[in-house]
Amino acid sequence: EQSVLLIEGDQLGLTALGDELRSI
C-alpha cells in the first residue's frame, strides 16, 4: 500500500546484512 521495502530486525542481523551490502 505504501510501496515501501521494509527491512526490520535486531542490531546483529541488520549489521550482518549491512556488511553484505557493503561487500556487494
PDB file of all heavy atoms in Angstrom:
ATOM      1  N   GLU A   1       0.823  -1.213   0.000  1.00  0.00           N
ATOM      2  CA  GLU A   1       0.000   0.000   0.000  1.00  0.00           C
ATOM      3  C   GLU A   1       0.855   1.260   0.000  1.00  0.00           C
ATOM      4  O   GLU A   1       0.509   2.251  -0.637  1.00  0.00           O
ATOM      5  CB  GLU A   1      -0.942   0.001   1.198  1.00  0.00           C
ATOM      6  CG  GLU A   1      -2.064  -1.008   1.078  1.00  0.00           C
ATOM      7  CD  GLU A   1      -3.027  -0.937   2.241  1.00  0.00           C
ATOM      8  OE1 GLU A   1      -3.065   0.093   2.938  1.00  0.00           O
ATOM      9  OE2 GLU A   1      -3.750  -1.924   2.438  1.00  0.00           O
ATOM     10  N   GLN A   2       1.963   1.224   0.721  1.00  0.00           N
ATOM     11  CA  GLN A   2       2.857   2.382   0.791  1.00  0.00           C
ATOM     12  C   GLN A   2       3.973   2.322  -0.252  1.00  0.00           C
ATOM     13  O   GLN A   2       4.746   3.259  -0.385  1.00  0.00           O
ATOM     14  CB  GLN A   2       3.490   2.476   2.187  1.00  0.00           C
ATOM     15  CG  GLN A   2       2.481   2.632   3.305  1.00  0.00           C
ATOM     16  CD  GLN A   2       1.765   3.956   3.233  1.00  0.00           C
ATOM     17  OE1 GLN A   2       2.373   4.987   2.989  1.00  0.00           O
ATOM     18  NE2 GLN A   2       0.458   3.924   3.427  1.00  0.00           N
ATOM     19  N   SER A   3       4.074   1.194  -0.963  1.00  0.00           N
ATOM     20  CA  SER A   3       5.124   0.974  -1.964  1.00  0.00           C
ATOM     21  C   SER A   3       6.520   1.094  -1.353  1.00  0.00           C
ATOM     22  O   SER A   3       7.403   1.757  -1.884  1.00  0.00           O
ATOM     23  CB  SER A   3       4.955   1.958  -3.129  1.00  0.00           C
ATOM     24  OG  SER A   3       5.829   1.631  -4.183  1.00  0.00           O
ATOM     25  N   VAL A   4       6.698   0.414  -0.199  1.00  0.00           N
ATOM     26  CA  VAL A   4       7.940   0.523   0.568  1.00  0.00           C
ATOM     27  C   VAL A   4       8.526  -0.866   0.826  1.00  0.00           C
ATOM     28  O   VAL A   4       7.812  -1.787   1.220  1.00  0.00           O
ATOM     29  CB  VAL A   4       7.673   1.209   1.930  1.00  0.00           C
ATOM     30  CG1 VAL A   4       8.917   1.214   2.799  1.00  0.00           C
ATOM     31  CG2 VAL A   4       7.173   2.625   1.733  1.00  0.00           C
ATOM     32  N   LEU A   5       9.832  -0.987   0.627  1.00  0.00           N
ATOM     33  CA  LEU A   5      10.568  -2.163   1.071  1.00  0.00           C
ATOM     34  C   LEU A   5      10.940  -1.912   2.525  1.00  0.00           C
ATOM     35  O   LEU A   5      11.588  -0.906   2.840  1.00  0.00           O
ATOM     36  CB  LEU A   5      11.836  -2.368   0.239  1.00  0.00           C
ATOM     37  CG  LEU A   5      12.767  -3.486   0.700  1.00  0.00           C
ATOM     38  CD1 LEU A   5      12.081  -4.847   0.571  1.00  0.00           C
ATOM     39  CD2 LEU A   5      14.065  -3.464  -0.085  1.00  0.00           C
ATOM     40  N   LEU A   6      10.488  -2.783   3.432  1.00  0.00           N
ATOM     41  CA  LEU A   6      10.782  -2.662   4.854  1.00  0.00           C
ATOM     42  C   LEU A   6      11.801  -3.717   5.249  1.00  0.00           C
ATOM     43  O   LEU A   6      11.626  -4.905   4.949  1.00  0.00           O
ATOM     44  CB  LEU A   6       9.520  -2.866   5.687  1.00  0.00           C
ATOM     45  CG  LEU A   6       8.440  -1.810   5.539  1.00  0.00           C
ATOM     46  CD1 LEU A   6       7.154  -2.271   6.219  1.00  0.00           C
ATOM     47  CD2 LEU A   6       8.898  -0.497   6.122  1.00  0.00           C
ATOM     48  N   ILE A   7      12.854  -3.275   5.913  1.00  0.00           N
ATOM     49  CA  ILE A   7      13.858  -4.191   6.439  1.00  0.00           C
ATOM     50  C   ILE A   7      13.881  -3.969   7.943  1.00  0.00           C
ATOM     51  O   ILE A   7      14.279  -2.906   8.413  1.00  0.00           O
ATOM     52  CB  ILE A   7      15.245  -3.948   5.807  1.00  0.00           C
ATOM     53  CG1 ILE A   7      15.162  -4.059   4.279  1.00  0.00           C
ATOM     54  CG2 ILE A   7      16.258  -4.943   6.379  1.00  0.00           C
ATOM     55  CD1 ILE A   7      16.457  -3.711   3.563  1.00  0.00           C
ATOM     56  N   GLU A   8      13.404  -4.970   8.682  1.00  0.00           N
ATOM     57  CA  GLU A   8      13.286  -4.873  10.133  1.00  0.00           C
ATOM     58  C   GLU A   8      14.126  -5.951  10.776  1.00  0.00           C
ATOM     59  O   GLU A   8      14.197  -7.062  10.248  1.00  0.00           O
ATOM     60  CB  GLU A   8      11.843  -5.109  10.585  1.00  0.00           C
ATOM     61  CG  GLU A   8      10.801  -4.336   9.861  1.00  0.00           C
ATOM     62  CD  GLU A   8       9.401  -4.727  10.301  1.00  0.00           C
ATOM     63  OE1 GLU A   8       9.138  -5.920  10.561  1.00  0.00           O
ATOM     64  OE2 GLU A   8       8.582  -3.809  10.368  1.00  0.00           O
ATOM     65  N   GLY A   9      14.712  -5.620  11.926  1.00  0.00           N
ATOM     66  CA  GLY A   9      15.442  -6.670  12.614  1.00  0.00           C
ATOM     67  C   GLY A   9      16.271  -6.191  13.767  1.00  0.00           C
ATOM     68  O   GLY A   9      16.336  -4.992  14.062  1.00  0.00           O
ATOM     69  N   ASP A  10      16.901  -7.169  14.422  1.00  0.00           N
ATOM     70  CA  ASP A  10      17.767  -6.857  15.546  1.00  0.00           C
ATOM     71  C   ASP A  10      19.102  -6.314  15.037  1.00  0.00           C
ATOM     72  O   ASP A  10      19.448  -6.443  13.856  1.00  0.00           O
ATOM     73  CB  ASP A  10      17.954  -8.083  16.444  1.00  0.00           C
ATOM     74  CG  ASP A  10      18.565  -9.277  15.734  1.00  0.00           C
ATOM     75  OD1 ASP A  10      19.251  -9.114  14.707  1.00  0.00           O
ATOM     76  OD2 ASP A  10      18.359 -10.405  16.211  1.00  0.00           O
ATOM     77  N   GLN A  11      19.827  -5.671  15.926  1.00  0.00           N
ATOM     78  CA  GLN A  11      21.057  -4.984  15.519  1.00  0.00           C
ATOM     79  C   GLN A  11      22.097  -5.935  14.930  1.00  0.00           C
ATOM     80  O   GLN A  11      22.756  -5.600  13.948  1.00  0.00           O
ATOM     81  CB  GLN A  11      21.650  -4.220  16.704  1.00  0.00           C
ATOM     82  CG  GLN A  11      22.703  -3.222  16.292  1.00  0.00           C
ATOM     83  CD  GLN A  11      22.179  -2.209  15.276  1.00  0.00           C
ATOM     84  OE1 GLN A  11      21.174  -1.565  15.502  1.00  0.00           O
ATOM     85  NE2 GLN A  11      22.849  -2.068  14.156  1.00  0.00           N
ATOM     86  N   LEU A  12      22.227  -7.107  15.501  1.00  0.00           N
ATOM     87  CA  LEU A  12      23.204  -8.073  14.991  1.00  0.00           C
ATOM     88  C   LEU A  12      22.884  -8.456  13.548  1.00  0.00           C
ATOM     89  O   LEU A  12      23.756  -8.465  12.674  1.00  0.00           O
ATOM     90  CB  LEU A  12      23.237  -9.308  15.892  1.00  0.00           C
ATOM     91  CG  LEU A  12      24.340 -10.312  15.628  1.00  0.00           C
ATOM     92  CD1 LEU A  12      25.700  -9.694  15.899  1.00  0.00           C
ATOM     93  CD2 LEU A  12      24.138 -11.539  16.520  1.00  0.00           C
ATOM     94  N   GLY A  13      21.610  -8.750  13.275  1.00  0.00           N
ATOM     95  CA  GLY A  13      21.199  -9.142  11.931  1.00  0.00           C
ATOM     96  C   GLY A  13      21.288  -7.991  10.941  1.00  0.00           C
ATOM     97  O   GLY A  13      21.740  -8.170   9.802  1.00  0.00           O
ATOM     98  N   LEU A  14      20.859  -6.800  11.352  1.00  0.00           N
ATOM     99  CA  LEU A  14      20.937  -5.637  10.452  1.00  0.00           C
ATOM    100  C   LEU A  14      22.388  -5.329  10.091  1.00  0.00           C
ATOM    101  O   LEU A  14      22.696  -4.993   8.942  1.00  0.00           O
ATOM    102  CB  LEU A  14      20.273  -4.416  11.100  1.00  0.00           C
ATOM    103  CG  LEU A  14      18.755  -4.479  11.254  1.00  0.00           C
ATOM    104  CD1 LEU A  14      18.257  -3.274  12.057  1.00  0.00           C
ATOM    105  CD2 LEU A  14      18.054  -4.542   9.902  1.00  0.00           C
ATOM    106  N   THR A  15      23.277  -5.464  11.058  1.00  0.00           N
ATOM    107  CA  THR A  15      24.701  -5.224  10.790  1.00  0.00           C
ATOM    108  C   THR A  15      25.251  -6.261   9.811  1.00  0.00           C
ATOM    109  O   THR A  15      26.012  -5.927   8.900  1.00  0.00           O
ATOM    110  CB  THR A  15      25.503  -5.228  12.104  1.00  0.00           C
ATOM    111  OG1 THR A  15      25.019  -4.153  12.925  1.00  0.00           O
ATOM    112  CG2 THR A  15      26.991  -5.037  11.850  1.00  0.00           C
ATOM    113  N   ALA A  16      24.867  -7.518   9.979  1.00  0.00           N
ATOM    114  CA  ALA A  16      25.325  -8.574   9.060  1.00  0.00           C
ATOM    115  C   ALA A  16      24.845  -8.293   7.640  1.00  0.00           C
ATOM    116  O   ALA A  16      25.618  -8.417   6.682  1.00  0.00           O
ATOM    117  CB  ALA A  16      24.836  -9.942   9.527  1.00  0.00           C
ATOM    118  N   LEU A  17      23.582  -7.898   7.481  1.00  0.00           N
ATOM    119  CA  LEU A  17      23.073  -7.557   6.154  1.00  0.00           C
ATOM    120  C   LEU A  17      23.782  -6.325   5.610  1.00  0.00           C
ATOM    121  O   LEU A  17      24.134  -6.275   4.429  1.00  0.00           O
ATOM    122  CB  LEU A  17      21.560  -7.349   6.202  1.00  0.00           C
ATOM    123  CG  LEU A  17      20.887  -6.960   4.886  1.00  0.00           C
ATOM    124  CD1 LEU A  17      21.179  -7.962   3.771  1.00  0.00           C
ATOM    125  CD2 LEU A  17      19.384  -6.810   5.092  1.00  0.00           C
ATOM    126  N   GLY A  18      24.037  -5.339   6.457  1.00  0.00           N
ATOM    127  CA  GLY A  18      24.778  -4.156   6.030  1.00  0.00           C
ATOM    128  C   GLY A  18      26.167  -4.505   5.527  1.00  0.00           C
ATOM    129  O   GLY A  18      26.628  -3.987   4.509  1.00  0.00           O
ATOM    130  N   ASP A  19      26.842  -5.421   6.219  1.00  0.00           N
ATOM    131  CA  ASP A  19      28.171  -5.864   5.783  1.00  0.00           C
ATOM    132  C   ASP A  19      28.091  -6.539   4.410  1.00  0.00           C
ATOM    133  O   ASP A  19      28.965  -6.342   3.557  1.00  0.00           O
ATOM    134  CB  ASP A  19      28.779  -6.830   6.798  1.00  0.00           C
ATOM    135  CG  ASP A  19      29.177  -6.153   8.097  1.00  0.00           C
ATOM    136  OD1 ASP A  19      29.263  -4.905   8.137  1.00  0.00           O
ATOM    137  OD2 ASP A  19      29.395  -6.881   9.093  1.00  0.00           O
ATOM    138  N   GLU A  20      27.035  -7.316   4.203  1.00  0.00           N
ATOM    139  CA  GLU A  20      26.871  -7.991   2.920  1.00  0.00           C
ATOM    140  C   GLU A  20      26.643  -6.968   1.795  1.00  0.00           C
ATOM    141  O   GLU A  20      27.211  -7.084   0.711  1.00  0.00           O
ATOM    142  CB  GLU A  20      25.718  -8.985   2.995  1.00  0.00           C
ATOM    143  CG  GLU A  20      25.717  -9.946   1.855  1.00  0.00           C
ATOM    144  CD  GLU A  20      25.023 -11.262   2.157  1.00  0.00           C
ATOM    145  OE1 GLU A  20      24.573 -11.506   3.283  1.00  0.00           O
ATOM    146  OE2 GLU A  20      24.943 -12.063   1.213  1.00  0.00           O
ATOM    147  N   LEU A  21      25.827  -5.948   2.066  1.00  0.00           N
ATOM    148  CA  LEU A  21      25.598  -4.913   1.048  1.00  0.00           C
ATOM    149  C   LEU A  21      26.880  -4.139   0.741  1.00  0.00           C
ATOM    150  O   LEU A  21      27.144  -3.800  -0.415  1.00  0.00           O
ATOM    151  CB  LEU A  21      24.494  -3.956   1.490  1.00  0.00           C
ATOM    152  CG  LEU A  21      23.082  -4.529   1.465  1.00  0.00           C
ATOM    153  CD1 LEU A  21      22.079  -3.473   1.894  1.00  0.00           C
ATOM    154  CD2 LEU A  21      22.720  -5.064   0.102  1.00  0.00           C
ATOM    155  N   ARG A  22      27.669  -3.864   1.766  1.00  0.00           N
ATOM    156  CA  ARG A  22      28.949  -3.180   1.527  1.00  0.00           C
ATOM    157  C   ARG A  22      29.860  -4.011   0.627  1.00  0.00           C
ATOM    158  O   ARG A  22      30.533  -3.466  -0.244  1.00  0.00           O
ATOM    159  CB  ARG A  22      29.658  -2.907   2.847  1.00  0.00           C
ATOM    160  CG  ARG A  22      29.416  -1.541   3.339  1.00  0.00           C
ATOM    161  CD  ARG A  22      30.369  -1.164   4.450  1.00  0.00           C
ATOM    162  NE  ARG A  22      29.560  -0.392   5.370  1.00  0.00           N
ATOM    163  CZ  ARG A  22      29.634  -0.435   6.663  1.00  0.00           C
ATOM    164  NH1 ARG A  22      30.508  -1.193   7.262  1.00  0.00           N
ATOM    165  NH2 ARG A  22      28.849   0.302   7.403  1.00  0.00           N
ATOM    166  N   SER A  23      29.886  -5.317   0.837  1.00  0.00           N
ATOM    167  CA  SER A  23      30.748  -6.163   0.004  1.00  0.00           C
ATOM    168  C   SER A  23      30.245  -6.175  -1.444  1.00  0.00           C
ATOM    169  O   SER A  23      31.044  -6.232  -2.380  1.00  0.00           O
ATOM    170  CB  SER A  23      30.869  -7.577   0.568  1.00  0.00           C
ATOM    171  OG  SER A  23      29.705  -8.332   0.346  1.00  0.00           O
ATOM    172  N   ILE A  24      28.934  -6.093  -1.635  1.00  0.00           N
ATOM    173  CA  ILE A  24      28.398  -6.025  -2.995  1.00  0.00           C
ATOM    174  C   ILE A  24      28.761  -4.682  -3.616  1.00  0.00           C
ATOM    175  O   ILE A  24      29.143  -4.616  -4.793  1.00  0.00           O
ATOM    176  CB  ILE A  24      26.865  -6.244  -2.996  1.00  0.00           C
ATOM    177  CG1 ILE A  24      26.543  -7.663  -2.491  1.00  0.00           C
ATOM    178  CG2 ILE A  24      26.284  -6.020  -4.391  1.00  0.00           C
ATOM    179  CD1 ILE A  24      25.079  -7.888  -2.149  1.00  0.00           C
TER     180      ILE A  24
END
